[in-house]
């Protein structure tokens, strides 16, 4: 299983980015191999519209089946849901802490967006 975690940089100990669509990038964690790579998402930071959808497409290209982020808007959630990518929300902490909470089963799967678009 591959998990994408919104992050401002390539360090697993970096803070969890509270944004999905406008996250600087995603840490892609492969649970099988334990590998971690950083997928840049900066091309979507300043889009007037569609950042969530484009970010969802970037995540889908990685083969991730789950996303951990702070918040997700309606268009991003719909795009992730269409791609069969589960969304898990967490407030604060580092990407590493979010991953550990996920592994312990402490994060509930989101059943819809928790923010309106363009926040």
N, C-alpha and C. Protein backbone atom coordinates (compact mmCIF):
# COMPACT_ATOMS: atom_id res chain seq x y z
N UNK A 1 0.84 -1.18 0.00
CA UNK A 1 0.00 0.00 0.00
C UNK A 1 0.88 1.24 0.00
N UNK A 2 0.52 2.20 -0.84
CA UNK A 2 1.22 3.48 -0.87
C UNK A 2 0.33 4.56 -0.28
N UNK A 3 0.93 5.39 0.57
CA UNK A 3 0.21 6.44 1.26
C UNK A 3 0.86 7.77 0.91
N UNK A 4 0.07 8.75 0.49
CA UNK A 4 0.56 10.10 0.21
C UNK A 4 0.21 10.99 1.40
N UNK A 5 1.22 11.69 1.92
CA UNK A 5 1.04 12.56 3.08
C UNK A 5 1.40 13.98 2.66
N UNK A 6 0.48 14.93 2.83
CA UNK A 6 0.76 16.31 2.44
C UNK A 6 1.87 16.87 3.32
N UNK A 7 2.89 17.46 2.68
CA UNK A 7 4.07 17.91 3.41
C UNK A 7 4.72 19.09 2.69
N UNK A 8 5.30 20.01 3.47
CA UNK A 8 5.98 21.14 2.85
C UNK A 8 7.37 20.80 2.30
N UNK A 9 7.85 19.60 2.57
CA UNK A 9 9.18 19.24 2.10
C UNK A 9 9.45 17.76 2.23
N UNK A 10 10.64 17.32 1.83
CA UNK A 10 10.95 15.90 1.74
C UNK A 10 11.30 15.19 3.06
N UNK A 11 11.29 15.90 4.18
CA UNK A 11 11.64 15.31 5.46
C UNK A 11 10.41 14.70 6.12
N UNK A 12 10.45 13.42 6.47
CA UNK A 12 9.32 12.75 7.10
C UNK A 12 8.97 13.38 8.44
N UNK A 13 9.90 14.11 9.04
CA UNK A 13 9.65 14.78 10.32
C UNK A 13 9.13 16.21 10.14
N UNK A 14 8.91 16.61 8.88
CA UNK A 14 8.35 17.94 8.60
C UNK A 14 6.90 17.96 9.07
N UNK A 15 6.37 19.16 9.34
CA UNK A 15 4.96 19.24 9.76
C UNK A 15 4.03 18.74 8.65
N UNK A 16 2.93 18.15 9.06
CA UNK A 16 1.88 17.79 8.11
C UNK A 16 1.33 19.07 7.52
N UNK A 17 1.25 19.15 6.20
CA UNK A 17 0.68 20.34 5.56
C UNK A 17 -0.83 20.26 5.71
N UNK A 18 -1.47 21.29 6.27
CA UNK A 18 -2.92 21.23 6.47
C UNK A 18 -3.72 21.30 5.17
N UNK A 19 -3.07 21.68 4.08
CA UNK A 19 -3.77 21.82 2.80
C UNK A 19 -3.52 20.58 1.95
N UNK A 20 -4.50 20.19 1.17
CA UNK A 20 -4.28 19.13 0.21
C UNK A 20 -3.95 19.72 -1.16
N UNK A 21 -4.89 20.43 -1.74
CA UNK A 21 -4.72 20.93 -3.10
C UNK A 21 -3.56 21.87 -3.28
N UNK A 22 -3.25 22.64 -2.28
CA UNK A 22 -2.16 23.61 -2.37
C UNK A 22 -0.96 23.23 -1.50
N UNK A 23 -0.86 21.94 -1.20
CA UNK A 23 0.33 21.45 -0.49
C UNK A 23 1.54 21.59 -1.41
N UNK A 24 2.68 21.88 -0.83
CA UNK A 24 3.92 21.97 -1.62
C UNK A 24 4.27 20.64 -2.26
N UNK A 25 3.90 19.57 -1.58
CA UNK A 25 4.21 18.25 -2.11
C UNK A 25 3.64 17.17 -1.22
N UNK A 26 3.99 15.94 -1.56
CA UNK A 26 3.49 14.78 -0.83
C UNK A 26 4.64 13.81 -0.59
N UNK A 27 4.70 13.33 0.64
CA UNK A 27 5.60 12.23 0.95
C UNK A 27 4.87 10.96 0.55
N UNK A 28 5.48 10.17 -0.29
CA UNK A 28 4.88 8.92 -0.75
C UNK A 28 5.55 7.79 0.01
N UNK A 29 4.79 7.15 0.88
CA UNK A 29 5.31 6.09 1.73
C UNK A 29 4.82 4.75 1.19
N UNK A 30 5.75 3.86 0.90
CA UNK A 30 5.42 2.51 0.46
C UNK A 30 5.50 1.62 1.69
N UNK A 31 4.35 1.16 2.18
CA UNK A 31 4.33 0.35 3.40
C UNK A 31 5.03 -0.98 3.22
N UNK A 32 5.02 -1.53 2.01
CA UNK A 32 5.66 -2.82 1.79
C UNK A 32 7.18 -2.74 1.88
N UNK A 33 7.76 -1.74 1.23
CA UNK A 33 9.22 -1.63 1.21
C UNK A 33 9.76 -0.69 2.28
N UNK A 34 8.89 0.18 2.81
CA UNK A 34 9.34 1.16 3.80
C UNK A 34 9.98 2.39 3.16
N UNK A 35 9.99 2.45 1.84
CA UNK A 35 10.62 3.59 1.17
C UNK A 35 9.75 4.84 1.27
N UNK A 36 10.42 5.99 1.27
CA UNK A 36 9.74 7.28 1.31
C UNK A 36 10.33 8.15 0.21
N UNK A 37 9.49 8.70 -0.65
CA UNK A 37 9.97 9.63 -1.66
C UNK A 37 9.08 10.87 -1.64
N UNK A 38 9.61 11.97 -2.13
CA UNK A 38 8.87 13.23 -2.13
C UNK A 38 8.40 13.53 -3.54
N UNK A 39 7.12 13.82 -3.67
CA UNK A 39 6.52 14.17 -4.95
C UNK A 39 6.15 15.65 -4.90
N UNK A 40 6.79 16.44 -5.71
CA UNK A 40 6.58 17.88 -5.74
C UNK A 40 5.20 18.22 -6.28
N UNK A 41 4.54 19.19 -5.67
CA UNK A 41 3.21 19.63 -6.09
C UNK A 41 3.18 21.15 -6.29
N UNK A 42 4.35 21.78 -6.37
CA UNK A 42 4.42 23.25 -6.42
C UNK A 42 3.73 23.85 -7.63
N UNK A 43 3.57 23.09 -8.70
CA UNK A 43 2.91 23.62 -9.89
C UNK A 43 1.45 23.98 -9.62
N UNK A 44 0.89 23.48 -8.52
CA UNK A 44 -0.51 23.75 -8.21
C UNK A 44 -0.71 24.81 -7.13
N UNK A 45 0.36 25.33 -6.57
CA UNK A 45 0.25 26.28 -5.46
C UNK A 45 -0.50 27.56 -5.83
N UNK A 46 -0.31 28.05 -7.02
CA UNK A 46 -0.87 29.35 -7.39
C UNK A 46 -1.96 29.29 -8.46
N UNK A 47 -2.51 28.11 -8.67
CA UNK A 47 -3.60 28.00 -9.64
C UNK A 47 -4.82 28.78 -9.14
N UNK A 48 -5.48 29.48 -10.03
CA UNK A 48 -6.69 30.21 -9.64
C UNK A 48 -7.81 29.25 -9.29
N UNK A 49 -7.90 28.15 -10.01
CA UNK A 49 -8.92 27.13 -9.78
C UNK A 49 -8.34 25.77 -10.11
N UNK A 50 -8.91 24.74 -9.52
CA UNK A 50 -8.55 23.37 -9.90
C UNK A 50 -7.34 22.79 -9.20
N UNK A 51 -6.81 23.46 -8.18
CA UNK A 51 -5.62 22.94 -7.50
C UNK A 51 -5.90 21.58 -6.86
N UNK A 52 -7.06 21.43 -6.26
CA UNK A 52 -7.40 20.15 -5.61
C UNK A 52 -7.51 19.02 -6.60
N UNK A 53 -8.13 19.29 -7.74
CA UNK A 53 -8.29 18.26 -8.76
C UNK A 53 -6.92 17.88 -9.33
N UNK A 54 -6.09 18.88 -9.63
CA UNK A 54 -4.76 18.60 -10.17
C UNK A 54 -3.90 17.84 -9.17
N UNK A 55 -4.01 18.22 -7.90
CA UNK A 55 -3.24 17.52 -6.86
C UNK A 55 -3.72 16.07 -6.73
N UNK A 56 -5.02 15.86 -6.83
CA UNK A 56 -5.56 14.50 -6.79
C UNK A 56 -5.02 13.67 -7.96
N UNK A 57 -4.92 14.29 -9.12
CA UNK A 57 -4.36 13.60 -10.28
C UNK A 57 -2.89 13.24 -10.05
N UNK A 58 -2.14 14.17 -9.44
CA UNK A 58 -0.73 13.90 -9.14
C UNK A 58 -0.60 12.72 -8.18
N UNK A 59 -1.44 12.69 -7.17
CA UNK A 59 -1.41 11.59 -6.21
C UNK A 59 -1.79 10.28 -6.89
N UNK A 60 -2.81 10.31 -7.73
CA UNK A 60 -3.25 9.10 -8.42
C UNK A 60 -2.13 8.52 -9.28
N UNK A 61 -1.35 9.38 -9.91
CA UNK A 61 -0.23 8.92 -10.76
C UNK A 61 0.82 8.16 -9.97
N UNK A 62 0.91 8.40 -8.67
CA UNK A 62 1.92 7.73 -7.85
C UNK A 62 1.52 6.31 -7.48
N UNK A 63 0.24 5.99 -7.64
CA UNK A 63 -0.25 4.68 -7.24
C UNK A 63 -0.69 4.62 -5.79
N UNK A 64 -0.75 5.78 -5.13
CA UNK A 64 -1.21 5.81 -3.74
C UNK A 64 -2.66 5.40 -3.65
N UNK A 65 -3.00 4.71 -2.57
CA UNK A 65 -4.38 4.30 -2.34
C UNK A 65 -4.97 5.00 -1.12
N UNK A 66 -4.16 5.85 -0.47
CA UNK A 66 -4.63 6.62 0.68
C UNK A 66 -3.88 7.94 0.74
N UNK A 67 -4.56 8.96 1.28
CA UNK A 67 -3.98 10.28 1.49
C UNK A 67 -4.20 10.66 2.94
N UNK A 68 -3.16 11.22 3.56
CA UNK A 68 -3.29 11.81 4.89
C UNK A 68 -2.99 13.29 4.73
N UNK A 69 -3.92 14.12 5.16
CA UNK A 69 -3.76 15.56 5.03
C UNK A 69 -4.56 16.25 6.13
N UNK A 70 -4.42 17.56 6.23
CA UNK A 70 -5.15 18.31 7.24
C UNK A 70 -6.59 18.57 6.85
N UNK A 71 -6.81 19.00 5.62
CA UNK A 71 -8.15 19.34 5.14
C UNK A 71 -8.24 19.03 3.65
N UNK A 72 -9.47 18.79 3.21
CA UNK A 72 -9.70 18.53 1.79
C UNK A 72 -11.02 19.19 1.39
N UNK A 73 -11.00 19.84 0.23
CA UNK A 73 -12.19 20.50 -0.30
C UNK A 73 -13.04 19.56 -1.12
N UNK A 74 -14.20 20.04 -1.57
CA UNK A 74 -15.15 19.17 -2.27
C UNK A 74 -14.67 18.63 -3.61
N UNK A 75 -14.01 19.45 -4.39
CA UNK A 75 -13.55 18.97 -5.71
C UNK A 75 -12.40 17.97 -5.56
N UNK A 76 -11.48 18.25 -4.65
CA UNK A 76 -10.38 17.33 -4.40
C UNK A 76 -10.90 16.01 -3.86
N UNK A 77 -11.84 16.10 -2.91
CA UNK A 77 -12.41 14.87 -2.34
C UNK A 77 -13.08 14.04 -3.42
N UNK A 78 -13.86 14.69 -4.28
CA UNK A 78 -14.55 13.96 -5.35
C UNK A 78 -13.55 13.29 -6.29
N UNK A 79 -12.48 14.00 -6.64
CA UNK A 79 -11.47 13.44 -7.54
C UNK A 79 -10.75 12.26 -6.89
N UNK A 80 -10.40 12.39 -5.62
CA UNK A 80 -9.74 11.29 -4.91
C UNK A 80 -10.69 10.09 -4.79
N UNK A 81 -11.93 10.36 -4.46
CA UNK A 81 -12.92 9.30 -4.32
C UNK A 81 -13.11 8.56 -5.64
N UNK A 82 -13.16 9.32 -6.74
CA UNK A 82 -13.32 8.70 -8.06
C UNK A 82 -12.12 7.81 -8.39
N UNK A 83 -10.95 8.19 -7.90
CA UNK A 83 -9.74 7.40 -8.12
C UNK A 83 -9.53 6.30 -7.09
N UNK A 84 -10.55 6.06 -6.26
CA UNK A 84 -10.47 5.02 -5.21
C UNK A 84 -9.31 5.26 -4.25
N UNK A 85 -9.09 6.52 -3.92
CA UNK A 85 -8.05 6.89 -2.97
C UNK A 85 -8.75 7.36 -1.69
N UNK A 86 -8.51 6.64 -0.60
CA UNK A 86 -9.12 6.97 0.68
C UNK A 86 -8.47 8.21 1.27
N UNK A 87 -9.26 9.03 1.96
CA UNK A 87 -8.78 10.26 2.56
C UNK A 87 -8.87 10.14 4.08
N UNK A 88 -7.76 10.47 4.75
CA UNK A 88 -7.69 10.48 6.20
C UNK A 88 -7.24 11.87 6.63
N UNK A 89 -7.97 12.47 7.56
CA UNK A 89 -7.67 13.83 8.00
C UNK A 89 -7.03 13.81 9.39
N UNK A 90 -6.08 14.71 9.57
CA UNK A 90 -5.41 14.84 10.87
C UNK A 90 -4.99 16.29 11.05
N UNK A 91 -5.15 16.79 12.24
CA UNK A 91 -4.75 18.16 12.57
C UNK A 91 -3.38 18.13 13.23
N UNK A 92 -2.45 18.91 12.72
CA UNK A 92 -1.16 19.13 13.37
C UNK A 92 -0.24 17.92 13.40
N UNK A 93 0.91 18.16 14.03
CA UNK A 93 1.93 17.13 14.14
C UNK A 93 2.76 17.02 12.88
N UNK A 94 3.66 16.08 12.90
CA UNK A 94 4.55 15.85 11.75
C UNK A 94 3.96 14.79 10.83
N UNK A 95 4.53 14.70 9.65
CA UNK A 95 4.13 13.65 8.71
C UNK A 95 4.39 12.27 9.32
N UNK A 96 5.51 12.13 10.03
CA UNK A 96 5.84 10.85 10.68
C UNK A 96 4.79 10.49 11.73
N UNK A 97 4.36 11.48 12.52
CA UNK A 97 3.34 11.22 13.53
C UNK A 97 2.01 10.84 12.88
N UNK A 98 1.68 11.49 11.78
CA UNK A 98 0.44 11.16 11.06
C UNK A 98 0.51 9.73 10.54
N UNK A 99 1.65 9.34 10.00
CA UNK A 99 1.82 7.99 9.48
C UNK A 99 1.67 6.96 10.60
N UNK A 100 2.28 7.22 11.74
CA UNK A 100 2.18 6.29 12.87
C UNK A 100 0.74 6.19 13.37
N UNK A 101 0.03 7.32 13.43
CA UNK A 101 -1.38 7.29 13.85
C UNK A 101 -2.20 6.47 12.86
N UNK A 102 -1.90 6.59 11.57
CA UNK A 102 -2.59 5.81 10.54
C UNK A 102 -2.33 4.32 10.75
N UNK A 103 -1.08 3.96 10.97
CA UNK A 103 -0.72 2.55 11.16
C UNK A 103 -1.38 1.96 12.39
N UNK A 104 -1.58 2.77 13.43
CA UNK A 104 -2.22 2.30 14.66
C UNK A 104 -3.75 2.29 14.54
N UNK A 105 -4.27 2.73 13.40
CA UNK A 105 -5.71 2.74 13.19
C UNK A 105 -6.42 3.87 13.90
N UNK A 106 -5.70 4.93 14.21
CA UNK A 106 -6.27 6.07 14.94
C UNK A 106 -6.91 7.13 14.04
N UNK A 107 -6.71 7.02 12.74
CA UNK A 107 -7.30 8.00 11.82
C UNK A 107 -8.53 7.40 11.15
N UNK A 108 -9.62 8.12 11.22
CA UNK A 108 -10.85 7.65 10.59
C UNK A 108 -10.88 8.09 9.12
N UNK A 109 -11.41 7.23 8.29
CA UNK A 109 -11.56 7.56 6.88
C UNK A 109 -12.60 8.67 6.74
N UNK A 110 -12.27 9.70 5.96
CA UNK A 110 -13.20 10.81 5.71
C UNK A 110 -14.30 10.33 4.75
N UNK A 111 -15.51 10.78 5.00
CA UNK A 111 -16.64 10.41 4.15
C UNK A 111 -17.16 11.61 3.38
N UNK A 112 -16.32 12.63 3.25
CA UNK A 112 -16.68 13.82 2.51
C UNK A 112 -15.68 14.91 2.80
N UNK A 113 -15.76 16.03 2.09
CA UNK A 113 -14.84 17.15 2.32
C UNK A 113 -15.12 17.78 3.68
N UNK A 114 -14.09 18.41 4.24
CA UNK A 114 -14.29 19.12 5.51
C UNK A 114 -14.13 20.62 5.35
N UNK A 115 -13.85 21.07 4.15
CA UNK A 115 -13.71 22.51 3.86
C UNK A 115 -14.40 22.81 2.54
N UNK A 116 -14.82 24.06 2.40
CA UNK A 116 -15.30 24.53 1.11
C UNK A 116 -14.10 24.83 0.23
N UNK A 117 -14.27 24.97 -1.03
CA UNK A 117 -13.17 25.27 -1.94
C UNK A 117 -12.53 26.62 -1.68
N UNK A 118 -11.31 26.79 -2.14
CA UNK A 118 -10.56 28.05 -2.10
C UNK A 118 -10.38 28.59 -0.69
N UNK A 119 -10.00 27.77 0.24
CA UNK A 119 -9.73 28.26 1.59
C UNK A 119 -8.29 28.51 1.66
